[in-house]
Amino acid sequence: QKYEREYHTIRQKDGELTGEFMKRFLRLAGFVGKKAGLPEEQAKHFKWALSDWILDGIVNTKFTDVAQVANAGRNIELLRERGGVNNKRNRDGIVFSLRIRIIIRE
């Protein structure tokens, strides 16, 4: 009963990587057993337990298992670590975005 309550209130901690959280989540789901639900239900529960800044990137995506959610979350973490897609800097260290002009010839 204690494990069930914890399972239903689990959240990713600040600074906790998605992979670490997945291990903690799956360990707890193992203790809860069948009440944790099918893999799709566990994936949905895991997705909504992620940090808000990760959840923002995957909120409209459906997953079939926890590993898929964790992979998507890790990709978002990596993107954030790199500072986004356009992280070029000029000589003064100021970030500017790379703009590409497309020329269409007839």
PDB file of N, CA and C in Angstrom:
ATOM      1  N   GLN A   1       0.832  -1.192   0.000  1.00  0.00           N
ATOM      2  CA  GLN A   1       0.000   0.000   0.000  1.00  0.00           C
ATOM      3  C   GLN A   1       0.875   1.254   0.000  1.00  0.00           C
ATOM      4  N   LYS A   2       1.962   1.227   0.754  1.00  0.00           N
ATOM      5  CA  LYS A   2       2.888   2.356   0.781  1.00  0.00           C
ATOM      6  C   LYS A   2       3.505   2.567  -0.602  1.00  0.00           C
ATOM      7  N   TYR A   3       3.868   1.462  -1.270  1.00  0.00           N
ATOM      8  CA  TYR A   3       4.471   1.555  -2.593  1.00  0.00           C
ATOM      9  C   TYR A   3       3.479   2.088  -3.620  1.00  0.00           C
ATOM     10  N   GLU A   4       2.220   1.698  -3.492  1.00  0.00           N
ATOM     11  CA  GLU A   4       1.194   2.199  -4.407  1.00  0.00           C
ATOM     12  C   GLU A   4       1.039   3.708  -4.281  1.00  0.00           C
ATOM     13  N   ARG A   5       1.009   4.196  -3.058  1.00  0.00           N
ATOM     14  CA  ARG A   5       0.874   5.634  -2.824  1.00  0.00           C
ATOM     15  C   ARG A   5       2.072   6.377  -3.413  1.00  0.00           C
ATOM     16  N   GLU A   6       3.264   5.837  -3.193  1.00  0.00           N
ATOM     17  CA  GLU A   6       4.465   6.475  -3.734  1.00  0.00           C
ATOM     18  C   GLU A   6       4.461   6.436  -5.256  1.00  0.00           C
ATOM     19  N   TYR A   7       4.003   5.322  -5.831  1.00  0.00           N
ATOM     20  CA  TYR A   7       3.939   5.185  -7.292  1.00  0.00           C
ATOM     21  C   TYR A   7       3.031   6.251  -7.894  1.00  0.00           C
ATOM     22  N   HIS A   8       1.920   6.514  -7.257  1.00  0.00           N
ATOM     23  CA  HIS A   8       0.960   7.476  -7.798  1.00  0.00           C
ATOM     24  C   HIS A   8       1.381   8.926  -7.583  1.00  0.00           C
ATOM     25  N   THR A   9       2.375   9.174  -6.736  1.00  0.00           N
ATOM     26  CA  THR A   9       2.820  10.548  -6.477  1.00  0.00           C
ATOM     27  C   THR A   9       4.265  10.793  -6.909  1.00  0.00           C
ATOM     28  N   ILE A  10       4.894   9.826  -7.578  1.00  0.00           N
ATOM     29  CA  ILE A  10       6.300   9.950  -7.958  1.00  0.00           C
ATOM     30  C   ILE A  10       6.494  11.091  -8.955  1.00  0.00           C
ATOM     31  N   ARG A  11       7.592  11.846  -8.784  1.00  0.00           N
ATOM     32  CA  ARG A  11       7.966  12.930  -9.688  1.00  0.00           C
ATOM     33  C   ARG A  11       9.475  12.905  -9.873  1.00  0.00           C
ATOM     34  N   GLN A  12       9.921  13.397 -11.007  1.00  0.00           N
ATOM     35  CA  GLN A  12      11.353  13.504 -11.255  1.00  0.00           C
ATOM     36  C   GLN A  12      11.917  14.617 -10.377  1.00  0.00           C
ATOM     37  N   LYS A  13      13.038  14.339  -9.719  1.00  0.00           N
ATOM     38  CA  LYS A  13      13.658  15.322  -8.833  1.00  0.00           C
ATOM     39  C   LYS A  13      14.467  16.324  -9.642  1.00  0.00           C
ATOM     40  N   ASP A  14      14.658  17.522  -9.092  1.00  0.00           N
ATOM     41  CA  ASP A  14      15.496  18.528  -9.740  1.00  0.00           C
ATOM     42  C   ASP A  14      16.911  17.981  -9.886  1.00  0.00           C
ATOM     43  N   GLY A  15      17.467  18.100 -11.071  1.00  0.00           N
ATOM     44  CA  GLY A  15      18.816  17.630 -11.320  1.00  0.00           C
ATOM     45  C   GLY A  15      18.933  16.142 -11.591  1.00  0.00           C
ATOM     46  N   GLU A  16      17.838  15.413 -11.493  1.00  0.00           N
ATOM     47  CA  GLU A  16      17.859  13.970 -11.750  1.00  0.00           C
ATOM     48  C   GLU A  16      17.721  13.726 -13.255  1.00  0.00           C
ATOM     49  N   LEU A  17      18.647  12.968 -13.813  1.00  0.00           N
ATOM     50  CA  LEU A  17      18.584  12.651 -15.234  1.00  0.00           C
ATOM     51  C   LEU A  17      17.423  11.702 -15.512  1.00  0.00           C
ATOM     52  N   THR A  18      16.934  11.743 -16.726  1.00  0.00           N
ATOM     53  CA  THR A  18      15.798  10.909 -17.103  1.00  0.00           C
ATOM     54  C   THR A  18      16.102   9.425 -16.927  1.00  0.00           C
ATOM     55  N   GLY A  19      17.326   9.012 -17.253  1.00  0.00           N
ATOM     56  CA  GLY A  19      17.705   7.609 -17.090  1.00  0.00           C
ATOM     57  C   GLY A  19      17.682   7.164 -15.638  1.00  0.00           C
ATOM     58  N   GLU A  20      18.157   8.036 -14.752  1.00  0.00           N
ATOM     59  CA  GLU A  20      18.138   7.726 -13.317  1.00  0.00           C
ATOM     60  C   GLU A  20      16.699   7.635 -12.812  1.00  0.00           C
ATOM     61  N   PHE A  21      15.873   8.566 -13.274  1.00  0.00           N
ATOM     62  CA  PHE A  21      14.472   8.567 -12.870  1.00  0.00           C
ATOM     63  C   PHE A  21      13.759   7.317 -13.384  1.00  0.00           C
ATOM     64  N   MET A  22      14.100   6.892 -14.612  1.00  0.00           N
ATOM     65  CA  MET A  22      13.485   5.689 -15.169  1.00  0.00           C
ATOM     66  C   MET A  22      13.811   4.469 -14.305  1.00  0.00           C
ATOM     67  N   LYS A  23      15.049   4.346 -13.862  1.00  0.00           N
ATOM     68  CA  LYS A  23      15.430   3.216 -13.003  1.00  0.00           C
ATOM     69  C   LYS A  23      14.626   3.229 -11.709  1.00  0.00           C
ATOM     70  N   ARG A  24      14.509   4.410 -11.106  1.00  0.00           N
ATOM     71  CA  ARG A  24      13.752   4.543  -9.855  1.00  0.00           C
ATOM     72  C   ARG A  24      12.273   4.219 -10.086  1.00  0.00           C
ATOM     73  N   PHE A  25      11.737   4.714 -11.189  1.00  0.00           N
ATOM     74  CA  PHE A  25      10.333   4.485 -11.527  1.00  0.00           C
ATOM     75  C   PHE A  25      10.053   2.999 -11.751  1.00  0.00           C
ATOM     76  N   LEU A  26      10.898   2.334 -12.537  1.00  0.00           N
ATOM     77  CA  LEU A  26      10.676   0.918 -12.848  1.00  0.00           C
ATOM     78  C   LEU A  26      10.855   0.029 -11.622  1.00  0.00           C
ATOM     79  N   ARG A  27      11.777   0.401 -10.744  1.00  0.00           N
ATOM     80  CA  ARG A  27      11.949  -0.359  -9.504  1.00  0.00           C
ATOM     81  C   ARG A  27      10.670  -0.286  -8.674  1.00  0.00           C
ATOM     82  N   LEU A  28      10.124   0.925  -8.570  1.00  0.00           N
ATOM     83  CA  LEU A  28       8.889   1.115  -7.813  1.00  0.00           C
ATOM     84  C   LEU A  28       7.716   0.394  -8.486  1.00  0.00           C
ATOM     85  N   ALA A  29       7.642   0.458  -9.813  1.00  0.00           N
ATOM     86  CA  ALA A  29       6.577  -0.241 -10.542  1.00  0.00           C
ATOM     87  C   ALA A  29       6.677  -1.748 -10.325  1.00  0.00           C
ATOM     88  N   GLY A  30       7.889  -2.256 -10.181  1.00  0.00           N
ATOM     89  CA  GLY A  30       8.073  -3.677  -9.897  1.00  0.00           C
ATOM     90  C   GLY A  30       7.508  -4.066  -8.551  1.00  0.00           C
ATOM     91  N   PHE A  31       7.663  -3.191  -7.556  1.00  0.00           N
ATOM     92  CA  PHE A  31       7.099  -3.459  -6.235  1.00  0.00           C
ATOM     93  C   PHE A  31       5.573  -3.396  -6.260  1.00  0.00           C
ATOM     94  N   VAL A  32       5.033  -2.471  -7.046  1.00  0.00           N
ATOM     95  CA  VAL A  32       3.576  -2.309  -7.126  1.00  0.00           C
ATOM     96  C   VAL A  32       2.948  -3.494  -7.861  1.00  0.00           C
ATOM     97  N   GLY A  33       3.654  -4.026  -8.844  1.00  0.00           N
ATOM     98  CA  GLY A  33       3.165  -5.200  -9.569  1.00  0.00           C
ATOM     99  C   GLY A  33       2.109  -4.866 -10.603  1.00  0.00           C
ATOM    100  N   LYS A  34       1.084  -5.701 -10.692  1.00  0.00           N
ATOM    101  CA  LYS A  34       0.050  -5.552 -11.717  1.00  0.00           C
ATOM    102  C   LYS A  34      -0.728  -4.253 -11.584  1.00  0.00           C
ATOM    103  N   LYS A  35      -0.758  -3.694 -10.390  1.00  0.00           N
ATOM    104  CA  LYS A  35      -1.504  -2.447 -10.183  1.00  0.00           C
ATOM    105  C   LYS A  35      -0.850  -1.262 -10.895  1.00  0.00           C
ATOM    106  N   ALA A  36       0.414  -1.434 -11.329  1.00  0.00           N
ATOM    107  CA  ALA A  36       1.093  -0.381 -12.090  1.00  0.00           C
ATOM    108  C   ALA A  36       0.530  -0.278 -13.502  1.00  0.00           C
ATOM    109  N   GLY A  37      -0.148  -1.314 -13.958  1.00  0.00           N
ATOM    110  CA  GLY A  37      -0.809  -1.275 -15.255  1.00  0.00           C
ATOM    111  C   GLY A  37       0.018  -1.861 -16.377  1.00  0.00           C
ATOM    112  N   LEU A  38      -0.548  -1.794 -17.566  1.00  0.00           N
ATOM    113  CA  LEU A  38       0.109  -2.264 -18.784  1.00  0.00           C
ATOM    114  C   LEU A  38       1.254  -1.321 -19.151  1.00  0.00           C
ATOM    115  N   PRO A  39       2.162  -1.756 -20.035  1.00  0.00           N
ATOM    116  CA  PRO A  39       3.284  -0.882 -20.419  1.00  0.00           C
ATOM    117  C   PRO A  39       2.848   0.492 -20.925  1.00  0.00           C
ATOM    118  N   GLU A  40       1.753   0.558 -21.673  1.00  0.00           N
ATOM    119  CA  GLU A  40       1.264   1.851 -22.173  1.00  0.00           C
ATOM    120  C   GLU A  40       0.823   2.756 -21.023  1.00  0.00           C
ATOM    121  N   GLU A  41       0.171   2.180 -20.034  1.00  0.00           N
ATOM    122  CA  GLU A  41      -0.275   2.962 -18.872  1.00  0.00           C
ATOM    123  C   GLU A  41       0.920   3.432 -18.054  1.00  0.00           C
ATOM    124  N   GLN A  42       1.922   2.573 -17.898  1.00  0.00           N
ATOM    125  CA  GLN A  42       3.133   2.960 -17.181  1.00  0.00           C
ATOM    126  C   GLN A  42       3.862   4.076 -17.923  1.00  0.00           C
ATOM    127  N   ALA A  43       3.905   3.983 -19.257  1.00  0.00           N
ATOM    128  CA  ALA A  43       4.555   5.019 -20.057  1.00  0.00           C
ATOM    129  C   ALA A  43       3.860   6.366 -19.871  1.00  0.00           C
ATOM    130  N   LYS A  44       2.542   6.351 -19.868  1.00  0.00           N
ATOM    131  CA  LYS A  44       1.773   7.588 -19.669  1.00  0.00           C
ATOM    132  C   LYS A  44       2.038   8.166 -18.281  1.00  0.00           C
ATOM    133  N   HIS A  45       2.054   7.312 -17.277  1.00  0.00           N
ATOM    134  CA  HIS A  45       2.309   7.763 -15.907  1.00  0.00           C
ATOM    135  C   HIS A  45       3.734   8.318 -15.777  1.00  0.00           C
ATOM    136  N   PHE A  46       4.696   7.639 -16.393  1.00  0.00           N
ATOM    137  CA  PHE A  46       6.089   8.087 -16.361  1.00  0.00           C
ATOM    138  C   PHE A  46       6.239   9.433 -17.062  1.00  0.00           C
ATOM    139  N   LYS A  47       5.592   9.580 -18.217  1.00  0.00           N
ATOM    140  CA  LYS A  47       5.666  10.836 -18.976  1.00  0.00           C
ATOM    141  C   LYS A  47       5.182  12.011 -18.132  1.00  0.00           C
ATOM    142  N   TRP A  48       4.041  11.848 -17.458  1.00  0.00           N
ATOM    143  CA  TRP A  48       3.475  12.943 -16.680  1.00  0.00           C
ATOM    144  C   TRP A  48       4.228  13.191 -15.375  1.00  0.00           C
ATOM    145  N   ALA A  49       5.123  12.275 -15.008  1.00  0.00           N
ATOM    146  CA  ALA A  49       5.922  12.453 -13.795  1.00  0.00           C
ATOM    147  C   ALA A  49       7.251  13.147 -14.082  1.00  0.00           C
ATOM    148  N   LEU A  50       7.553  13.386 -15.362  1.00  0.00           N
ATOM    149  CA  LEU A  50       8.809  14.048 -15.721  1.00  0.00           C
ATOM    150  C   LEU A  50       8.772  15.529 -15.355  1.00  0.00           C
ATOM    151  N   SER A  51       9.942  16.139 -15.318  1.00  0.00           N
ATOM    152  CA  SER A  51      10.042  17.580 -15.065  1.00  0.00           C
ATOM    153  C   SER A  51       9.256  18.343 -16.128  1.00  0.00           C
ATOM    154  N   ASP A  52       8.714  19.481 -15.745  1.00  0.00           N
ATOM    155  CA  ASP A  52       7.868  20.253 -16.655  1.00  0.00           C
ATOM    156  C   ASP A  52       8.591  20.655 -17.937  1.00  0.00           C
ATOM    157  N   TRP A  53       9.877  21.021 -17.835  1.00  0.00           N
ATOM    158  CA  TRP A  53      10.607  21.476 -19.022  1.00  0.00           C
ATOM    159  C   TRP A  53      10.849  20.336 -20.008  1.00  0.00           C
ATOM    160  N   ILE A  54      10.888  19.106 -19.532  1.00  0.00           N
ATOM    161  CA  ILE A  54      10.986  17.949 -20.435  1.00  0.00           C
ATOM    162  C   ILE A  54       9.601  17.617 -20.983  1.00  0.00           C
ATOM    163  N   LEU A  55       8.613  17.635 -20.118  1.00  0.00           N
ATOM    164  CA  LEU A  55       7.241  17.315 -20.511  1.00  0.00           C
ATOM    165  C   LEU A  55       6.744  18.241 -21.615  1.00  0.00           C
ATOM    166  N   ASP A  56       7.156  19.506 -21.589  1.00  0.00           N
ATOM    167  CA  ASP A  56       6.736  20.457 -22.619  1.00  0.00           C
ATOM    168  C   ASP A  56       7.082  19.973 -24.027  1.00  0.00           C
ATOM    169  N   GLY A  57       8.188  19.239 -24.160  1.00  0.00           N
ATOM    170  CA  GLY A  57       8.614  18.780 -25.474  1.00  0.00           C
ATOM    171  C   GLY A  57       7.947  17.505 -25.950  1.00  0.00           C
ATOM    172  N   ILE A  58       7.282  16.777 -25.041  1.00  0.00           N
ATOM    173  CA  ILE A  58       6.703  15.479 -25.433  1.00  0.00           C
ATOM    174  C   ILE A  58       5.239  15.341 -25.043  1.00  0.00           C
ATOM    175  N   VAL A  59       4.620  16.422 -24.634  1.00  0.00           N
ATOM    176  CA  VAL A  59       3.267  16.353 -24.076  1.00  0.00           C
ATOM    177  C   VAL A  59       2.248  15.759 -25.051  1.00  0.00           C
ATOM    178  N   ASN A  60       2.390  16.009 -26.338  1.00  0.00           N
ATOM    179  CA  ASN A  60       1.411  15.514 -27.315  1.00  0.00           C
ATOM    180  C   ASN A  60       1.843  14.227 -28.003  1.00  0.00           C
ATOM    181  N   THR A  61       2.832  13.547 -27.447  1.00  0.00           N
ATOM    182  CA  THR A  61       3.348  12.318 -28.041  1.00  0.00           C
ATOM    183  C   THR A  61       2.874  11.116 -27.237  1.00  0.00           C
ATOM    184  N   LYS A  62       2.446  10.081 -27.946  1.00  0.00           N
ATOM    185  CA  LYS A  62       2.036   8.841 -27.276  1.00  0.00           C
ATOM    186  C   LYS A  62       3.177   7.841 -27.355  1.00  0.00           C
ATOM    187  N   PHE A  63       3.367   7.099 -26.283  1.00  0.00           N
ATOM    188  CA  PHE A  63       4.442   6.124 -26.195  1.00  0.00           C
ATOM    189  C   PHE A  63       3.865   4.773 -25.799  1.00  0.00           C
ATOM    190  N   THR A  64       4.570   3.705 -26.194  1.00  0.00           N
ATOM    191  CA  THR A  64       4.091   2.361 -25.870  1.00  0.00           C
ATOM    192  C   THR A  64       4.766   1.770 -24.644  1.00  0.00           C
ATOM    193  N   ASP A  65       5.927   2.327 -24.260  1.00  0.00           N
ATOM    194  CA  ASP A  65       6.580   1.843 -23.043  1.00  0.00           C
ATOM    195  C   ASP A  65       7.457   2.929 -22.429  1.00  0.00           C
ATOM    196  N   VAL A  66       7.907   2.680 -21.220  1.00  0.00           N
ATOM    197  CA  VAL A  66       8.675   3.656 -20.446  1.00  0.00           C
ATOM    198  C   VAL A  66       9.999   3.983 -21.130  1.00  0.00           C
ATOM    199  N   ALA A  67      10.631   3.005 -21.772  1.00  0.00           N
ATOM    200  CA  ALA A  67      11.922   3.233 -22.430  1.00  0.00           C
ATOM    201  C   ALA A  67      11.810   4.269 -23.545  1.00  0.00           C
ATOM    202  N   GLN A  68      10.720   4.260 -24.293  1.00  0.00           N
ATOM    203  CA  GLN A  68      10.519   5.263 -25.342  1.00  0.00           C
ATOM    204  C   GLN A  68      10.411   6.662 -24.752  1.00  0.00           C
ATOM    205  N   VAL A  69       9.703   6.786 -23.656  1.00  0.00           N
ATOM    206  CA  VAL A  69       9.562   8.086 -22.990  1.00  0.00           C
ATOM    207  C   VAL A  69      10.927   8.556 -22.495  1.00  0.00           C
ATOM    208  N   ALA A  70      11.687   7.645 -21.890  1.00  0.00           N
ATOM    209  CA  ALA A  70      13.008   7.989 -21.367  1.00  0.00           C
ATOM    210  C   ALA A  70      13.946   8.429 -22.488  1.00  0.00           C
ATOM    211  N   ASN A  71      13.893   7.758 -23.637  1.00  0.00           N
ATOM    212  CA  ASN A  71      14.729   8.156 -24.774  1.00  0.00           C
ATOM    213  C   ASN A  71      14.372   9.553 -25.266  1.00  0.00           C
ATOM    214  N   ALA A  72      13.093   9.839 -25.374  1.00  0.00           N
ATOM    215  CA  ALA A  72      12.657  11.168 -25.801  1.00  0.00           C
ATOM    216  C   ALA A  72      13.082  12.221 -24.782  1.00  0.00           C
ATOM    217  N   GLY A  73      12.939  11.899 -23.500  1.00  0.00           N
ATOM    218  CA  GLY A  73      13.364  12.825 -22.447  1.00  0.00           C
ATOM    219  C   GLY A  73      14.855  13.072 -22.476  1.00  0.00           C
ATOM    220  N   ARG A  74      15.636  12.033 -22.723  1.00  0.00           N
ATOM    221  CA  ARG A  74      17.094  12.177 -22.795  1.00  0.00           C
ATOM    222  C   ARG A  74      17.487  13.048 -23.976  1.00  0.00           C
ATOM    223  N   ASN A  75      16.803  12.899 -25.105  1.00  0.00           N
ATOM    224  CA  ASN A  75      17.083  13.752 -26.261  1.00  0.00           C
ATOM    225  C   ASN A  75      16.835  15.218 -25.933  1.00  0.00           C
ATOM    226  N   ILE A  76      15.794  15.500 -25.190  1.00  0.00           N
ATOM    227  CA  ILE A  76      15.500  16.877 -24.793  1.00  0.00           C
ATOM    228  C   ILE A  76      16.573  17.385 -23.838  1.00  0.00           C
ATOM    229  N   GLU A  77      17.026  16.530 -22.915  1.00  0.00           N
ATOM    230  CA  GLU A  77      18.114  16.911 -22.008  1.00  0.00           C
ATOM    231  C   GLU A  77      19.381  17.249 -22.788  1.00  0.00           C
ATOM    232  N   LEU A  78      19.721  16.426 -23.771  1.00  0.00           N
ATOM    233  CA  LEU A  78      20.920  16.669 -24.579  1.00  0.00           C
ATOM    234  C   LEU A  78      20.803  17.967 -25.363  1.00  0.00           C
ATOM    235  N   LEU A  79      19.633  18.226 -25.912  1.00  0.00           N
ATOM    236  CA  LEU A  79      19.415  19.463 -26.654  1.00  0.00           C
ATOM    237  C   LEU A  79      19.573  20.674 -25.739  1.00  0.00           C
ATOM    238  N   ARG A  80      19.077  20.565 -24.524  1.00  0.00           N
ATOM    239  CA  ARG A  80      19.194  21.668 -23.566  1.00  0.00           C
ATOM    240  C   ARG A  80      20.646  21.879 -23.144  1.00  0.00           C
ATOM    241  N   GLU A  81      21.399  20.775 -22.967  1.00  0.00           N
ATOM    242  CA  GLU A  81      22.811  20.884 -22.597  1.00  0.00           C
ATOM    243  C   GLU A  81      23.604  21.608 -23.669  1.00  0.00           C
ATOM    244  N   ARG A  82      23.253  21.368 -24.924  1.00  0.00           N
ATOM    245  CA  ARG A  82      23.954  22.012 -26.031  1.00  0.00           C
ATOM    246  C   ARG A  82      23.501  23.452 -26.241  1.00  0.00           C
ATOM    247  N   GLY A  83      22.456  23.843 -25.576  1.00  0.00           N
ATOM    248  CA  GLY A  83      21.975  25.213 -25.710  1.00  0.00           C
ATOM    249  C   GLY A  83      21.062  25.419 -26.893  1.00  0.00           C
ATOM    250  N   GLY A  84      20.456  24.395 -27.360  1.00  0.00           N
ATOM    251  CA  GLY A  84      19.542  24.523 -28.483  1.00  0.00           C
ATOM    252  C   GLY A  84      20.230  24.200 -29.792  1.00  0.00           C
ATOM    253  N   VAL A  85      19.514  24.405 -30.867  1.00  0.00           N
ATOM    254  CA  VAL A  85      20.024  24.057 -32.187  1.00  0.00           C
ATOM    255  C   VAL A  85      20.979  25.123 -32.697  1.00  0.00           C
ATOM    256  N   ASN A  86      20.598  26.368 -32.612  1.00  0.00           N
ATOM    257  CA  ASN A  86      21.406  27.462 -33.150  1.00  0.00           C
ATOM    258  C   ASN A  86      22.203  28.125 -32.040  1.00  0.00           C
ATOM    259  N   ASN A  87      23.333  27.545 -31.691  1.00  0.00           N
ATOM    260  CA  ASN A  87      24.120  28.111 -30.606  1.00  0.00           C
ATOM    261  C   ASN A  87      25.450  28.666 -31.097  1.00  0.00           C
ATOM    262  N   LYS A  88      25.465  29.232 -32.317  1.00  0.00           N
ATOM    263  CA  LYS A  88      26.665  29.866 -32.851  1.00  0.00           C
ATOM    264  C   LYS A  88      26.900  31.167 -32.101  1.00  0.00           C
ATOM    265  N   ARG A  89      28.172  31.516 -31.938  1.00  0.00           N
ATOM    266  CA  ARG A  89      28.519  32.760 -31.252  1.00  0.00           C
ATOM    267  C   ARG A  89      29.419  33.603 -32.149  1.00  0.00           C
ATOM    268  N   ASN A  90      29.261  34.915 -32.041  1.00  0.00           N
ATOM    269  CA  ASN A  90      30.162  35.780 -32.778  1.00  0.00           C
ATOM    270  C   ASN A  90      31.432  36.007 -31.953  1.00  0.00           C
ATOM    271  N   ARG A  91      32.319  36.853 -32.413  1.00  0.00           N
ATOM    272  CA  ARG A  91      33.604  37.042 -31.723  1.00  0.00           C
ATOM    273  C   ARG A  91      33.456  37.615 -30.322  1.00  0.00           C
ATOM    274  N   ASP A  92      32.372  38.316 -30.066  1.00  0.00           N
ATOM    275  CA  ASP A  92      32.137  38.890 -28.738  1.00  0.00           C
ATOM    276  C   ASP A  92      31.458  37.902 -27.798  1.00  0.00           C
ATOM    277  N   GLY A  93      31.152  36.705 -28.278  1.00  0.00           N
ATOM    278  CA  GLY A  93      30.516  35.700 -27.441  1.00  0.00           C
ATOM    279  C   GLY A  93      29.008  35.786 -27.403  1.00  0.00           C
ATOM    280  N   ILE A  94      28.442  36.607 -28.277  1.00  0.00           N
ATOM    281  CA  ILE A  94      26.992  36.768 -28.306  1.00  0.00           C
ATOM    282  C   ILE A  94      26.400  35.721 -29.248  1.00  0.00           C
ATOM    283  N   VAL A  95      25.367  35.050 -28.777  1.00  0.00           N
ATOM    284  CA  VAL A  95      24.727  34.003 -29.574  1.00  0.00           C
ATOM    285  C   VAL A  95      23.901  34.643 -30.680  1.00  0.00           C
ATOM    286  N   PHE A  96      24.063  34.128 -31.881  1.00  0.00           N
ATOM    287  CA  PHE A  96      23.219  34.574 -32.977  1.00  0.00           C
ATOM    288  C   PHE A  96      22.720  33.352 -33.728  1.00  0.00           C
ATOM    289  N   SER A  97      21.587  33.502 -34.360  1.00  0.00           N
ATOM    290  CA  SER A  97      21.018  32.360 -35.082  1.00  0.00           C
ATOM    291  C   SER A  97      21.502  32.379 -36.523  1.00  0.00           C
ATOM    292  N   LEU A  98      21.701  31.213 -37.045  1.00  0.00           N
ATOM    293  CA  LEU A  98      22.142  31.055 -38.416  1.00  0.00           C
ATOM    294  C   LEU A  98      20.917  31.119 -39.318  1.00  0.00           C
ATOM    295  N   ARG A  99      20.951  32.053 -40.236  1.00  0.00           N
ATOM    296  CA  ARG A  99      19.818  32.200 -41.144  1.00  0.00           C
ATOM    297  C   ARG A  99      20.251  31.744 -42.539  1.00  0.00           C
ATOM    298  N   ILE A 100      19.436  30.930 -43.153  1.00  0.00           N
ATOM    299  CA  ILE A 100      19.737  30.402 -44.478  1.00  0.00           C
ATOM    300  C   ILE A 100      18.719  30.968 -45.459  1.00  0.00           C
ATOM    301  N   ARG A 101      19.242  31.554 -46.510  1.00  0.00           N
ATOM    302  CA  ARG A 101      18.371  32.108 -47.534  1.00  0.00           C
ATOM    303  C   ARG A 101      18.252  31.087 -48.662  1.00  0.00           C
ATOM    304  N   ILE A 102      17.049  30.782 -49.027  1.00  0.00           N
ATOM    305  CA  ILE A 102      16.806  29.826 -50.104  1.00  0.00           C
ATOM    306  C   ILE A 102      16.507  30.609 -51.374  1.00  0.00           C
ATOM    307  N   ILE A 103      17.286  30.324 -52.405  1.00  0.00           N
ATOM    308  CA  ILE A 103      17.102  30.997 -53.688  1.00  0.00           C
ATOM    309  C   ILE A 103      16.499  29.995 -54.663  1.00  0.00           C
ATOM    310  N   ILE A 104      15.375  30.343 -55.202  1.00  0.00           N
ATOM    311  CA  ILE A 104      14.699  29.475 -56.164  1.00  0.00           C
ATOM    312  C   ILE A 104      14.956  30.026 -57.558  1.00  0.00           C
ATOM    313  N   ARG A 105      15.511  29.178 -58.400  1.00  0.00           N
ATOM    314  CA  ARG A 105      15.780  29.582 -59.781  1.00  0.00           C
ATOM    315  C   ARG A 105      14.744  28.949 -60.693  1.00  0.00           C
ATOM    316  N   GLU A 106      14.308  29.731 -61.635  1.00  0.00           N
ATOM    317  CA  GLU A 106      13.324  29.214 -62.589  1.00  0.00           C
ATOM    318  C   GLU A 106      13.998  28.697 -63.824  1.00  0.00           C
TER     319      GLU A 106
END
